[in-house]
Amino acid sequence: FPFRTIFLPIWISAKVKPTMNLRNMCWLVILAILECCWRTSSSNLPKEALAEVEASLLSLFGFKSRPKIDKSKIVIPQALIQMYEKQTGFPFETASIPKKGLHTRSA
Protein backbone atom coordinates (compact mmCIF):
# COMPACT_ATOMS: atom_id res chain seq x y z
CA PHE A 1 0.00 0.00 0.00
CA PRO A 2 1.72 3.24 -1.13
CA PHE A 3 0.33 5.47 1.64
CA ARG A 4 2.43 3.94 4.37
CA THR A 5 5.51 3.54 2.18
CA ILE A 6 5.40 7.22 1.24
CA PHE A 7 4.35 8.85 4.50
CA LEU A 8 6.37 6.77 6.95
CA PRO A 9 9.78 8.02 5.71
CA ILE A 10 8.46 11.59 5.66
CA TRP A 11 7.14 11.28 9.19
CA ILE A 12 10.41 9.75 10.40
CA SER A 13 12.52 12.40 8.67
CA ALA A 14 10.36 15.15 10.19
CA LYS A 15 10.98 13.71 13.65
CA VAL A 16 14.70 13.16 13.06
CA LYS A 17 15.40 16.62 11.62
CA PRO A 18 14.10 19.22 14.07
CA THR A 19 15.25 22.02 11.74
CA MET A 20 12.58 21.13 9.18
CA ASN A 21 10.10 23.97 9.25
CA LEU A 22 6.36 23.78 8.69
CA ARG A 23 6.63 25.08 5.12
CA ASN A 24 8.98 22.27 4.07
CA MET A 25 6.80 19.72 5.83
CA CYS A 26 3.73 21.01 3.97
CA TRP A 27 5.50 20.68 0.64
CA LEU A 28 6.61 17.16 1.48
CA VAL A 29 3.08 16.16 2.40
CA ILE A 30 1.64 17.71 -0.76
CA LEU A 31 4.24 16.02 -2.94
CA ALA A 32 3.64 12.71 -1.23
CA ILE A 33 -0.10 12.99 -1.80
CA LEU A 34 0.44 13.84 -5.46
CA GLU A 35 2.75 10.86 -5.81
CA CYS A 36 0.18 8.65 -4.15
CA CYS A 37 -2.58 9.95 -6.42
CA TRP A 38 -0.39 9.60 -9.49
CA ARG A 39 0.15 5.90 -8.90
CA THR A 40 -3.38 5.00 -7.86
CA SER A 41 -6.76 6.59 -8.22
CA SER A 42 -8.68 7.50 -5.10
CA SER A 43 -11.36 4.93 -5.94
CA ASN A 44 -8.79 2.16 -5.44
CA LEU A 45 -7.75 3.39 -1.99
CA PRO A 46 -9.53 2.20 1.14
CA LYS A 47 -11.85 4.75 2.76
CA GLU A 48 -9.82 4.53 5.98
CA ALA A 49 -6.67 5.64 4.15
CA LEU A 50 -8.43 8.60 2.57
CA ALA A 51 -9.88 9.58 5.94
CA GLU A 52 -6.42 9.28 7.49
CA VAL A 53 -4.85 11.52 4.83
CA GLU A 54 -7.65 14.07 5.17
CA ALA A 55 -7.37 14.10 8.97
CA SER A 56 -3.60 14.55 8.84
CA LEU A 57 -3.85 17.41 6.34
CA LEU A 58 -6.58 19.13 8.34
CA SER A 59 -4.52 18.91 11.52
CA LEU A 60 -1.39 20.03 9.65
CA PHE A 61 -3.13 23.21 8.53
CA GLY A 62 -4.88 23.75 11.88
CA PHE A 63 -8.45 22.85 10.91
CA LYS A 64 -10.79 20.71 13.01
CA SER A 65 -13.00 19.84 10.04
CA ARG A 66 -13.38 20.72 6.38
CA PRO A 67 -13.96 24.45 5.95
CA LYS A 68 -17.45 25.47 4.85
CA ILE A 69 -17.24 27.89 1.93
CA ASP A 70 -20.09 30.20 0.99
CA LYS A 71 -19.72 30.15 -2.78
CA SER A 72 -21.98 33.16 -3.20
CA LYS A 73 -19.37 35.36 -1.48
CA ILE A 74 -16.41 34.34 -3.65
CA VAL A 75 -14.79 37.33 -5.34
CA ILE A 76 -12.23 36.91 -8.11
CA PRO A 77 -9.90 39.92 -8.17
CA GLN A 78 -9.68 41.74 -11.50
CA ALA A 79 -5.88 41.44 -11.46
CA LEU A 80 -6.21 37.64 -11.29
CA ILE A 81 -8.64 37.64 -14.21
CA GLN A 82 -6.26 39.78 -16.27
CA MET A 83 -3.34 37.50 -15.42
CA TYR A 84 -5.38 34.45 -16.46
CA GLU A 85 -6.34 36.04 -19.77
CA LYS A 86 -2.76 37.13 -20.44
CA GLN A 87 -1.25 33.72 -19.70
CA THR A 88 -3.84 31.60 -21.50
CA GLY A 89 -4.78 33.94 -24.34
CA PHE A 90 -8.45 33.15 -23.70
CA PRO A 91 -11.12 35.47 -22.32
CA PHE A 92 -12.32 34.74 -18.80
CA GLU A 93 -15.37 32.48 -19.08
CA THR A 94 -17.92 33.43 -16.43
CA ALA A 95 -20.67 31.03 -17.49
CA SER A 96 -19.28 28.25 -15.31
CA ILE A 97 -19.24 30.42 -12.18
CA PRO A 98 -22.49 29.87 -10.25
CA LYS A 99 -23.24 33.50 -9.38
CA LYS A 100 -26.27 35.59 -10.21
CA GLY A 101 -25.81 37.77 -13.27
CA LEU A 102 -22.71 35.98 -14.53
CA HIS A 103 -24.40 33.33 -16.68
CA THR A 104 -23.45 34.78 -20.05
CA ARG A 105 -24.32 31.70 -22.09
CA SER A 106 -28.02 31.97 -21.28
CA ALA A 107 -28.22 35.73 -21.92
PDB file of N, CA and C in Angstrom:
ATOM      1  N   PHE A   1       0.849  -1.182   0.000  1.00  0.00           N
ATOM      2  CA  PHE A   1       0.000   0.000   0.000  1.00  0.00           C
ATOM      3  C   PHE A   1       0.889   1.239   0.000  1.00  0.00           C
ATOM      4  N   PRO A   2       0.778   2.121  -0.992  1.00  0.00           N
ATOM      5  CA  PRO A   2       1.720   3.237  -1.134  1.00  0.00           C
ATOM      6  C   PRO A   2       1.624   4.289  -0.044  1.00  0.00           C
ATOM      7  N   PHE A   3       0.472   4.413   0.625  1.00  0.00           N
ATOM      8  CA  PHE A   3       0.326   5.467   1.636  1.00  0.00           C
ATOM      9  C   PHE A   3       1.372   5.325   2.732  1.00  0.00           C
ATOM     10  N   ARG A   4       1.481   4.139   3.274  1.00  0.00           N
ATOM     11  CA  ARG A   4       2.432   3.937   4.372  1.00  0.00           C
ATOM     12  C   ARG A   4       3.872   3.995   3.882  1.00  0.00           C
ATOM     13  N   THR A   5       4.130   3.516   2.678  1.00  0.00           N
ATOM     14  CA  THR A   5       5.505   3.537   2.177  1.00  0.00           C
ATOM     15  C   THR A   5       5.966   4.945   1.854  1.00  0.00           C
ATOM     16  N   ILE A   6       5.032   5.835   1.548  1.00  0.00           N
ATOM     17  CA  ILE A   6       5.399   7.216   1.241  1.00  0.00           C
ATOM     18  C   ILE A   6       5.462   8.065   2.502  1.00  0.00           C
ATOM     19  N   PHE A   7       4.437   7.956   3.357  1.00  0.00           N
ATOM     20  CA  PHE A   7       4.351   8.850   4.501  1.00  0.00           C
ATOM     21  C   PHE A   7       5.243   8.458   5.665  1.00  0.00           C
ATOM     22  N   LEU A   8       5.534   7.181   5.826  1.00  0.00           N
ATOM     23  CA  LEU A   8       6.370   6.768   6.949  1.00  0.00           C
ATOM     24  C   LEU A   8       7.758   7.391   6.890  1.00  0.00           C
ATOM     25  N   PRO A   9       8.468   7.355   5.744  1.00  0.00           N
ATOM     26  CA  PRO A   9       9.780   8.024   5.708  1.00  0.00           C
ATOM     27  C   PRO A   9       9.686   9.527   5.935  1.00  0.00           C
ATOM     28  N   ILE A  10       8.624  10.151   5.449  1.00  0.00           N
ATOM     29  CA  ILE A  10       8.462  11.593   5.660  1.00  0.00           C
ATOM     30  C   ILE A  10       8.251  11.878   7.134  1.00  0.00           C
ATOM     31  N   TRP A  11       7.412  11.077   7.774  1.00  0.00           N
ATOM     32  CA  TRP A  11       7.142  11.278   9.191  1.00  0.00           C
ATOM     33  C   TRP A  11       8.404  11.065  10.014  1.00  0.00           C
ATOM     34  N   ILE A  12       9.164  10.031   9.679  1.00  0.00           N
ATOM     35  CA  ILE A  12      10.406   9.752  10.404  1.00  0.00           C
ATOM     36  C   ILE A  12      11.405  10.879  10.188  1.00  0.00           C
ATOM     37  N   SER A  13      11.549  11.336   8.941  1.00  0.00           N
ATOM     38  CA  SER A  13      12.517  12.399   8.674  1.00  0.00           C
ATOM     39  C   SER A  13      12.112  13.695   9.361  1.00  0.00           C
ATOM     40  N   ALA A  14      10.811  13.945   9.496  1.00  0.00           N
ATOM     41  CA  ALA A  14      10.359  15.149  10.188  1.00  0.00           C
ATOM     42  C   ALA A  14      10.688  15.068  11.675  1.00  0.00           C
ATOM     43  N   LYS A  15      10.655  13.861  12.237  1.00  0.00           N
ATOM     44  CA  LYS A  15      10.981  13.710  13.651  1.00  0.00           C
ATOM     45  C   LYS A  15      12.489  13.729  13.873  1.00  0.00           C
ATOM     46  N   VAL A  16      13.249  13.234  12.906  1.00  0.00           N
ATOM     47  CA  VAL A  16      14.699  13.161  13.060  1.00  0.00           C
ATOM     48  C   VAL A  16      15.336  14.529  12.869  1.00  0.00           C
ATOM     49  N   LYS A  17      14.824  15.312  11.929  1.00  0.00           N
ATOM     50  CA  LYS A  17      15.403  16.618  11.617  1.00  0.00           C
ATOM     51  C   LYS A  17      14.564  17.724  12.249  1.00  0.00           C
ATOM     52  N   PRO A  18      14.918  18.187  13.435  1.00  0.00           N
ATOM     53  CA  PRO A  18      14.105  19.219  14.070  1.00  0.00           C
ATOM     54  C   PRO A  18      14.182  20.568  13.368  1.00  0.00           C
ATOM     55  N   THR A  19      15.133  20.744  12.441  1.00  0.00           N
ATOM     56  CA  THR A  19      15.253  22.019  11.742  1.00  0.00           C
ATOM     57  C   THR A  19      14.252  22.154  10.604  1.00  0.00           C
ATOM     58  N   MET A  20      13.551  21.070  10.260  1.00  0.00           N
ATOM     59  CA  MET A  20      12.579  21.127   9.175  1.00  0.00           C
ATOM     60  C   MET A  20      11.409  22.007   9.609  1.00  0.00           C
ATOM     61  N   ASN A  21      11.180  23.069   8.873  1.00  0.00           N
ATOM     62  CA  ASN A  21      10.098  23.973   9.253  1.00  0.00           C
ATOM     63  C   ASN A  21       8.768  23.501   8.677  1.00  0.00           C
ATOM     64  N   LEU A  22       7.710  24.160   9.089  1.00  0.00           N
ATOM     65  CA  LEU A  22       6.363  23.776   8.687  1.00  0.00           C
ATOM     66  C   LEU A  22       6.167  23.894   7.182  1.00  0.00           C
ATOM     67  N   ARG A  23       6.773  24.886   6.569  1.00  0.00           N
ATOM     68  CA  ARG A  23       6.627  25.079   5.125  1.00  0.00           C
ATOM     69  C   ARG A  23       7.193  23.887   4.352  1.00  0.00           C
ATOM     70  N   ASN A  24       8.389  23.433   4.741  1.00  0.00           N
ATOM     71  CA  ASN A  24       8.980  22.274   4.074  1.00  0.00           C
ATOM     72  C   ASN A  24       8.148  21.025   4.306  1.00  0.00           C
ATOM     73  N   MET A  25       7.629  20.879   5.519  1.00  0.00           N
ATOM     74  CA  MET A  25       6.799  19.718   5.827  1.00  0.00           C
ATOM     75  C   MET A  25       5.533  19.727   4.986  1.00  0.00           C
ATOM     76  N   CYS A  26       4.931  20.901   4.800  1.00  0.00           N
ATOM     77  CA  CYS A  26       3.727  21.010   3.970  1.00  0.00           C
ATOM     78  C   CYS A  26       4.018  20.587   2.537  1.00  0.00           C
ATOM     79  N   TRP A  27       5.140  21.053   2.003  1.00  0.00           N
ATOM     80  CA  TRP A  27       5.502  20.677   0.636  1.00  0.00           C
ATOM     81  C   TRP A  27       5.744  19.180   0.524  1.00  0.00           C
ATOM     82  N   LEU A  28       6.384  18.599   1.512  1.00  0.00           N
ATOM     83  CA  LEU A  28       6.614  17.156   1.482  1.00  0.00           C
ATOM     84  C   LEU A  28       5.301  16.389   1.503  1.00  0.00           C
ATOM     85  N   VAL A  29       4.372  16.833   2.324  1.00  0.00           N
ATOM     86  CA  VAL A  29       3.076  16.162   2.401  1.00  0.00           C
ATOM     87  C   VAL A  29       2.329  16.303   1.081  1.00  0.00           C
ATOM     88  N   ILE A  30       2.330  17.494   0.513  1.00  0.00           N
ATOM     89  CA  ILE A  30       1.637  17.713  -0.760  1.00  0.00           C
ATOM     90  C   ILE A  30       2.252  16.866  -1.867  1.00  0.00           C
ATOM     91  N   LEU A  31       3.571  16.836  -1.928  1.00  0.00           N
ATOM     92  CA  LEU A  31       4.236  16.018  -2.943  1.00  0.00           C
ATOM     93  C   LEU A  31       3.963  14.538  -2.740  1.00  0.00           C
ATOM     94  N   ALA A  32       3.928  14.112  -1.504  1.00  0.00           N
ATOM     95  CA  ALA A  32       3.639  12.706  -1.230  1.00  0.00           C
ATOM     96  C   ALA A  32       2.219  12.346  -1.640  1.00  0.00           C
ATOM     97  N   ILE A  33       1.280  13.248  -1.398  1.00  0.00           N
ATOM     98  CA  ILE A  33      -0.105  12.995  -1.803  1.00  0.00           C
ATOM     99  C   ILE A  33      -0.212  12.944  -3.318  1.00  0.00           C
ATOM    100  N   LEU A  34       0.460  13.864  -3.990  1.00  0.00           N
ATOM    101  CA  LEU A  34       0.441  13.843  -5.456  1.00  0.00           C
ATOM    102  C   LEU A  34       1.046  12.558  -5.994  1.00  0.00           C
ATOM    103  N   GLU A  35       2.128  12.112  -5.392  1.00  0.00           N
ATOM    104  CA  GLU A  35       2.753  10.859  -5.809  1.00  0.00           C
ATOM    105  C   GLU A  35       1.805   9.690  -5.588  1.00  0.00           C
ATOM    106  N   CYS A  36       1.139   9.708  -4.468  1.00  0.00           N
ATOM    107  CA  CYS A  36       0.185   8.648  -4.154  1.00  0.00           C
ATOM    108  C   CYS A  36      -0.969   8.653  -5.153  1.00  0.00           C
ATOM    109  N   CYS A  37      -1.472   9.830  -5.472  1.00  0.00           N
ATOM    110  CA  CYS A  37      -2.581   9.945  -6.419  1.00  0.00           C
ATOM    111  C   CYS A  37      -2.142   9.608  -7.836  1.00  0.00           C
ATOM    112  N   TRP A  38      -0.900   9.881  -8.156  1.00  0.00           N
ATOM    113  CA  TRP A  38      -0.393   9.597  -9.493  1.00  0.00           C
ATOM    114  C   TRP A  38      -0.361   8.093  -9.749  1.00  0.00           C
ATOM    115  N   ARG A  39       0.022   7.345  -8.731  1.00  0.00           N
ATOM    116  CA  ARG A  39       0.147   5.895  -8.899  1.00  0.00           C
ATOM    117  C   ARG A  39      -1.187   5.183  -8.839  1.00  0.00           C
ATOM    118  N   THR A  40      -2.084   5.657  -8.012  1.00  0.00           N
ATOM    119  CA  THR A  40      -3.381   5.001  -7.855  1.00  0.00           C
ATOM    120  C   THR A  40      -4.471   6.055  -7.856  1.00  0.00           C
ATOM    121  N   SER A  41      -5.632   5.655  -8.302  1.00  0.00           N
ATOM    122  CA  SER A  41      -6.758   6.588  -8.224  1.00  0.00           C
ATOM    123  C   SER A  41      -7.387   6.475  -6.844  1.00  0.00           C
ATOM    124  N   SER A  42      -8.097   7.492  -6.435  1.00  0.00           N
ATOM    125  CA  SER A  42      -8.682   7.497  -5.100  1.00  0.00           C
ATOM    126  C   SER A  42      -9.756   6.424  -4.946  1.00  0.00           C
ATOM    127  N   SER A  43     -10.341   5.969  -6.044  1.00  0.00           N
ATOM    128  CA  SER A  43     -11.359   4.928  -5.941  1.00  0.00           C
ATOM    129  C   SER A  43     -10.747   3.590  -5.551  1.00  0.00           C
ATOM    130  N   ASN A  44      -9.449   3.405  -5.796  1.00  0.00           N
ATOM    131  CA  ASN A  44      -8.786   2.157  -5.437  1.00  0.00           C
ATOM    132  C   ASN A  44      -8.303   2.148  -3.997  1.00  0.00           C
ATOM    133  N   LEU A  45      -8.250   3.302  -3.356  1.00  0.00           N
ATOM    134  CA  LEU A  45      -7.749   3.389  -1.993  1.00  0.00           C
ATOM    135  C   LEU A  45      -8.862   3.096  -0.998  1.00  0.00           C
ATOM    136  N   PRO A  46      -8.516   2.445   0.105  1.00  0.00           N
ATOM    137  CA  PRO A  46      -9.532   2.205   1.135  1.00  0.00           C
ATOM    138  C   PRO A  46     -10.017   3.522   1.749  1.00  0.00           C
ATOM    139  N   LYS A  47     -11.267   3.536   2.168  1.00  0.00           N
ATOM    140  CA  LYS A  47     -11.855   4.745   2.759  1.00  0.00           C
ATOM    141  C   LYS A  47     -11.094   5.172   4.010  1.00  0.00           C
ATOM    142  N   GLU A  48     -10.563   4.196   4.763  1.00  0.00           N
ATOM    143  CA  GLU A  48      -9.819   4.528   5.982  1.00  0.00           C
ATOM    144  C   GLU A  48      -8.557   5.315   5.645  1.00  0.00           C
ATOM    145  N   ALA A  49      -7.896   4.943   4.553  1.00  0.00           N
ATOM    146  CA  ALA A  49      -6.668   5.636   4.150  1.00  0.00           C
ATOM    147  C   ALA A  49      -6.972   7.068   3.730  1.00  0.00           C
ATOM    148  N   LEU A  50      -8.052   7.250   2.978  1.00  0.00           N
ATOM    149  CA  LEU A  50      -8.433   8.602   2.568  1.00  0.00           C
ATOM    150  C   LEU A  50      -8.801   9.453   3.782  1.00  0.00           C
ATOM    151  N   ALA A  51      -9.516   8.852   4.724  1.00  0.00           N
ATOM    152  CA  ALA A  51      -9.880   9.583   5.940  1.00  0.00           C
ATOM    153  C   ALA A  51      -8.642   9.934   6.748  1.00  0.00           C
ATOM    154  N   GLU A  52      -7.666   9.031   6.766  1.00  0.00           N
ATOM    155  CA  GLU A  52      -6.418   9.278   7.494  1.00  0.00           C
ATOM    156  C   GLU A  52      -5.630  10.426   6.860  1.00  0.00           C
ATOM    157  N   VAL A  53      -5.556  10.438   5.538  1.00  0.00           N
ATOM    158  CA  VAL A  53      -4.854  11.517   4.835  1.00  0.00           C
ATOM    159  C   VAL A  53      -5.564  12.847   5.073  1.00  0.00           C
ATOM    160  N   GLU A  54      -6.889  12.833   4.955  1.00  0.00           N
ATOM    161  CA  GLU A  54      -7.646  14.069   5.170  1.00  0.00           C
ATOM    162  C   GLU A  54      -7.462  14.582   6.594  1.00  0.00           C
ATOM    163  N   ALA A  55      -7.527  13.688   7.568  1.00  0.00           N
ATOM    164  CA  ALA A  55      -7.365  14.098   8.968  1.00  0.00           C
ATOM    165  C   ALA A  55      -5.974  14.665   9.222  1.00  0.00           C
ATOM    166  N   SER A  56      -4.957  14.044   8.619  1.00  0.00           N
ATOM    167  CA  SER A  56      -3.596  14.547   8.841  1.00  0.00           C
ATOM    168  C   SER A  56      -3.389  15.909   8.182  1.00  0.00           C
ATOM    169  N   LEU A  57      -3.973  16.110   6.999  1.00  0.00           N
ATOM    170  CA  LEU A  57      -3.850  17.412   6.342  1.00  0.00           C
ATOM    171  C   LEU A  57      -4.621  18.493   7.102  1.00  0.00           C
ATOM    172  N   LEU A  58      -5.808  18.151   7.575  1.00  0.00           N
ATOM    173  CA  LEU A  58      -6.579  19.128   8.342  1.00  0.00           C
ATOM    174  C   LEU A  58      -5.839  19.538   9.606  1.00  0.00           C
ATOM    175  N   SER A  59      -5.258  18.564  10.297  1.00  0.00           N
ATOM    176  CA  SER A  59      -4.520  18.910  11.517  1.00  0.00           C
ATOM    177  C   SER A  59      -3.239  19.663  11.190  1.00  0.00           C
ATOM    178  N   LEU A  60      -2.611  19.342  10.061  1.00  0.00           N
ATOM    179  CA  LEU A  60      -1.390  20.030   9.654  1.00  0.00           C
ATOM    180  C   LEU A  60      -1.654  21.514   9.421  1.00  0.00           C
ATOM    181  N   PHE A  61      -2.797  21.817   8.820  1.00  0.00           N
ATOM    182  CA  PHE A  61      -3.130  23.206   8.528  1.00  0.00           C
ATOM    183  C   PHE A  61      -3.970  23.858   9.624  1.00  0.00           C
ATOM    184  N   GLY A  62      -4.208  23.162  10.726  1.00  0.00           N
ATOM    185  CA  GLY A  62      -4.882  23.746  11.878  1.00  0.00           C
ATOM    186  C   GLY A  62      -6.398  23.776  11.809  1.00  0.00           C
ATOM    187  N   PHE A  63      -6.998  22.917  11.002  1.00  0.00           N
ATOM    188  CA  PHE A  63      -8.454  22.849  10.911  1.00  0.00           C
ATOM    189  C   PHE A  63      -8.965  21.672  11.722  1.00  0.00           C
ATOM    190  N   LYS A  64     -10.163  21.822  12.300  1.00  0.00           N
ATOM    191  CA  LYS A  64     -10.792  20.709  13.013  1.00  0.00           C
ATOM    192  C   LYS A  64     -11.649  19.880  12.066  1.00  0.00           C
ATOM    193  N   SER A  65     -12.195  20.529  11.045  1.00  0.00           N
ATOM    194  CA  SER A  65     -12.997  19.843  10.038  1.00  0.00           C
ATOM    195  C   SER A  65     -12.838  20.589   8.718  1.00  0.00           C
ATOM    196  N   ARG A  66     -13.453  20.046   7.673  1.00  0.00           N
ATOM    197  CA  ARG A  66     -13.383  20.721   6.375  1.00  0.00           C
ATOM    198  C   ARG A  66     -14.025  22.098   6.465  1.00  0.00           C
ATOM    199  N   PRO A  67     -13.367  23.108   5.904  1.00  0.00           N
ATOM    200  CA  PRO A  67     -13.963  24.445   5.951  1.00  0.00           C
ATOM    201  C   PRO A  67     -15.229  24.510   5.101  1.00  0.00           C
ATOM    202  N   LYS A  68     -16.210  25.237   5.594  1.00  0.00           N
ATOM    203  CA  LYS A  68     -17.448  25.466   4.847  1.00  0.00           C
ATOM    204  C   LYS A  68     -17.285  26.773   4.085  1.00  0.00           C
ATOM    205  N   ILE A  69     -17.450  26.721   2.773  1.00  0.00           N
ATOM    206  CA  ILE A  69     -17.243  27.892   1.931  1.00  0.00           C
ATOM    207  C   ILE A  69     -18.584  28.342   1.368  1.00  0.00           C
ATOM    208  N   ASP A  70     -18.894  29.607   1.574  1.00  0.00           N
ATOM    209  CA  ASP A  70     -20.091  30.195   0.991  1.00  0.00           C
ATOM    210  C   ASP A  70     -19.729  30.661  -0.415  1.00  0.00           C
ATOM    211  N   LYS A  71     -20.122  29.868  -1.406  1.00  0.00           N
ATOM    212  CA  LYS A  71     -19.716  30.150  -2.784  1.00  0.00           C
ATOM    213  C   LYS A  71     -20.339  31.421  -3.343  1.00  0.00           C
ATOM    214  N   SER A  72     -21.377  31.927  -2.700  1.00  0.00           N
ATOM    215  CA  SER A  72     -21.980  33.162  -3.199  1.00  0.00           C
ATOM    216  C   SER A  72     -21.139  34.382  -2.841  1.00  0.00           C
ATOM    217  N   LYS A  73     -20.197  34.229  -1.911  1.00  0.00           N
ATOM    218  CA  LYS A  73     -19.368  35.357  -1.484  1.00  0.00           C
ATOM    219  C   LYS A  73     -17.968  35.336  -2.098  1.00  0.00           C
ATOM    220  N   ILE A  74     -17.722  34.430  -3.014  1.00  0.00           N
ATOM    221  CA  ILE A  74     -16.407  34.345  -3.648  1.00  0.00           C
ATOM    222  C   ILE A  74     -16.228  35.518  -4.604  1.00  0.00           C
ATOM    223  N   VAL A  75     -15.109  36.202  -4.477  1.00  0.00           N
ATOM    224  CA  VAL A  75     -14.787  37.335  -5.341  1.00  0.00           C
ATOM    225  C   VAL A  75     -13.464  37.031  -6.031  1.00  0.00           C
ATOM    226  N   ILE A  76     -13.459  37.111  -7.349  1.00  0.00           N
ATOM    227  CA  ILE A  76     -12.234  36.909  -8.115  1.00  0.00           C
ATOM    228  C   ILE A  76     -11.665  38.282  -8.438  1.00  0.00           C
ATOM    229  N   PRO A  77     -10.479  38.597  -7.918  1.00  0.00           N
ATOM    230  CA  PRO A  77      -9.899  39.919  -8.170  1.00  0.00           C
ATOM    231  C   PRO A  77      -9.656  40.153  -9.661  1.00  0.00           C
ATOM    232  N   GLN A  78      -9.861  41.384 -10.097  1.00  0.00           N
ATOM    233  CA  GLN A  78      -9.683  41.739 -11.504  1.00  0.00           C
ATOM    234  C   GLN A  78      -8.258  41.472 -11.967  1.00  0.00           C
ATOM    235  N   ALA A  79      -7.274  41.688 -11.095  1.00  0.00           N
ATOM    236  CA  ALA A  79      -5.875  41.435 -11.461  1.00  0.00           C
ATOM    237  C   ALA A  79      -5.657  39.958 -11.771  1.00  0.00           C
ATOM    238  N   LEU A  80      -6.332  39.069 -11.037  1.00  0.00           N
ATOM    239  CA  LEU A  80      -6.211  37.637 -11.286  1.00  0.00           C
ATOM    240  C   LEU A  80      -6.854  37.259 -12.615  1.00  0.00           C
ATOM    241  N   ILE A  81      -7.977  37.881 -12.932  1.00  0.00           N
ATOM    242  CA  ILE A  81      -8.644  37.638 -14.213  1.00  0.00           C
ATOM    243  C   ILE A  81      -7.753  38.099 -15.366  1.00  0.00           C
ATOM    244  N   GLN A  82      -7.151  39.270 -15.222  1.00  0.00           N
ATOM    245  CA  GLN A  82      -6.261  39.780 -16.272  1.00  0.00           C
ATOM    246  C   GLN A  82      -5.042  38.882 -16.445  1.00  0.00           C
ATOM    247  N   MET A  83      -4.491  38.395 -15.341  1.00  0.00           N
ATOM    248  CA  MET A  83      -3.337  37.505 -15.419  1.00  0.00           C
ATOM    249  C   MET A  83      -3.714  36.196 -16.116  1.00  0.00           C
ATOM    250  N   TYR A  84      -4.898  35.669 -15.808  1.00  0.00           N
ATOM    251  CA  TYR A  84      -5.377  34.452 -16.455  1.00  0.00           C
ATOM    252  C   TYR A  84      -5.510  34.663 -17.960  1.00  0.00           C
ATOM    253  N   GLU A  85      -6.142  35.762 -18.347  1.00  0.00           N
ATOM    254  CA  GLU A  85      -6.344  36.042 -19.768  1.00  0.00           C
ATOM    255  C   GLU A  85      -5.020  36.256 -20.490  1.00  0.00           C
ATOM    256  N   LYS A  86      -4.071  36.886 -19.831  1.00  0.00           N
ATOM    257  CA  LYS A  86      -2.764  37.134 -20.443  1.00  0.00           C
ATOM    258  C   LYS A  86      -1.988  35.830 -20.629  1.00  0.00           C
ATOM    259  N   GLN A  87      -2.022  34.959 -19.628  1.00  0.00           N
ATOM    260  CA  GLN A  87      -1.252  33.719 -19.700  1.00  0.00           C
ATOM    261  C   GLN A  87      -1.868  32.697 -20.636  1.00  0.00           C
ATOM    262  N   THR A  88      -3.201  32.611 -20.672  1.00  0.00           N
ATOM    263  CA  THR A  88      -3.840  31.600 -21.505  1.00  0.00           C
ATOM    264  C   THR A  88      -4.176  32.096 -22.899  1.00  0.00           C
ATOM    265  N   GLY A  89      -4.375  33.405 -23.046  1.00  0.00           N
ATOM    266  CA  GLY A  89      -4.779  33.936 -24.337  1.00  0.00           C
ATOM    267  C   GLY A  89      -6.267  33.789 -24.591  1.00  0.00           C
ATOM    268  N   PHE A  90      -7.010  33.323 -23.587  1.00  0.00           N
ATOM    269  CA  PHE A  90      -8.450  33.147 -23.705  1.00  0.00           C
ATOM    270  C   PHE A  90      -9.162  34.150 -22.807  1.00  0.00           C
ATOM    271  N   PRO A  91     -10.361  34.597 -23.215  1.00  0.00           N
ATOM    272  CA  PRO A  91     -11.124  35.474 -22.322  1.00  0.00           C
ATOM    273  C   PRO A  91     -11.632  34.680 -21.123  1.00  0.00           C
ATOM    274  N   PHE A  92     -11.838  35.378 -20.020  1.00  0.00           N
ATOM    275  CA  PHE A  92     -12.316  34.740 -18.797  1.00  0.00           C
ATOM    276  C   PHE A  92     -13.761  34.320 -18.986  1.00  0.00           C
ATOM    277  N   GLU A  93     -14.038  33.046 -18.874  1.00  0.00           N
ATOM    278  CA  GLU A  93     -15.372  32.481 -19.081  1.00  0.00           C
ATOM    279  C   GLU A  93     -16.133  32.508 -17.761  1.00  0.00           C
ATOM    280  N   THR A  94     -17.174  33.314 -17.678  1.00  0.00           N
ATOM    281  CA  THR A  94     -17.922  33.429 -16.429  1.00  0.00           C
ATOM    282  C   THR A  94     -19.155  32.546 -16.390  1.00  0.00           C
ATOM    283  N   ALA A  95     -19.456  31.842 -17.463  1.00  0.00           N
ATOM    284  CA  ALA A  95     -20.669  31.029 -17.488  1.00  0.00           C
ATOM    285  C   ALA A  95     -20.593  29.850 -16.533  1.00  0.00           C
ATOM    286  N   SER A  96     -19.397  29.401 -16.210  1.00  0.00           N
ATOM    287  CA  SER A  96     -19.281  28.254 -15.314  1.00  0.00           C
ATOM    288  C   SER A  96     -19.220  28.654 -13.849  1.00  0.00           C
ATOM    289  N   ILE A  97     -19.255  29.949 -13.567  1.00  0.00           N
ATOM    290  CA  ILE A  97     -19.243  30.423 -12.183  1.00  0.00           C
ATOM    291  C   ILE A  97     -20.690  30.566 -11.721  1.00  0.00           C
ATOM    292  N   PRO A  98     -21.088  29.825 -10.681  1.00  0.00           N
ATOM    293  CA  PRO A  98     -22.492  29.870 -10.252  1.00  0.00           C
ATOM    294  C   PRO A  98     -22.823  31.102  -9.418  1.00  0.00           C
ATOM    295  N   LYS A  99     -22.869  32.258 -10.062  1.00  0.00           N
ATOM    296  CA  LYS A  99     -23.239  33.498  -9.381  1.00  0.00           C
ATOM    297  C   LYS A  99     -24.311  34.193 -10.207  1.00  0.00           C
ATOM    298  N   LYS A 100     -25.195  34.874  -9.526  1.00  0.00           N
ATOM    299  CA  LYS A 100     -26.274  35.586 -10.211  1.00  0.00           C
ATOM    300  C   LYS A 100     -25.699  36.664 -11.119  1.00  0.00           C
ATOM    301  N   GLY A 101     -26.221  36.736 -12.341  1.00  0.00           N
ATOM    302  CA  GLY A 101     -25.810  37.770 -13.273  1.00  0.00           C
ATOM    303  C   GLY A 101     -24.569  37.443 -14.078  1.00  0.00           C
ATOM    304  N   LEU A 102     -23.934  36.314 -13.807  1.00  0.00           N
ATOM    305  CA  LEU A 102     -22.714  35.978 -14.531  1.00  0.00           C
ATOM    306  C   LEU A 102     -22.912  34.861 -15.551  1.00  0.00           C
ATOM    307  N   HIS A 103     -24.152  34.399 -15.728  1.00  0.00           N
ATOM    308  CA  HIS A 103     -24.404  33.326 -16.684  1.00  0.00           C
ATOM    309  C   HIS A 103     -24.552  33.921 -18.082  1.00  0.00           C
ATOM    310  N   THR A 104     -23.436  34.099 -18.757  1.00  0.00           N
ATOM    311  CA  THR A 104     -23.450  34.783 -20.047  1.00  0.00           C
ATOM    312  C   THR A 104     -23.941  33.889 -21.174  1.00  0.00           C
ATOM    313  N   ARG A 105     -23.876  32.578 -21.008  1.00  0.00           N
ATOM    314  CA  ARG A 105     -24.323  31.695 -22.091  1.00  0.00           C
ATOM    315  C   ARG A 105     -25.837  31.718 -22.261  1.00  0.00           C
ATOM    316  N   SER A 106     -26.560  31.975 -21.187  1.00  0.00           N
ATOM    317  CA  SER A 106     -28.019  31.968 -21.275  1.00  0.00           C
ATOM    318  C   SER A 106     -28.588  33.354 -21.578  1.00  0.00           C
ATOM    319  N   ALA A 107     -27.735  34.357 -21.691  1.00  0.00           N
ATOM    320  CA  ALA A 107     -28.217  35.726 -21.918  1.00  0.00           C
ATOM    321  C   ALA A 107     -28.583  35.944 -23.363  1.00  0.00           C
TER     322      ALA A 107
END
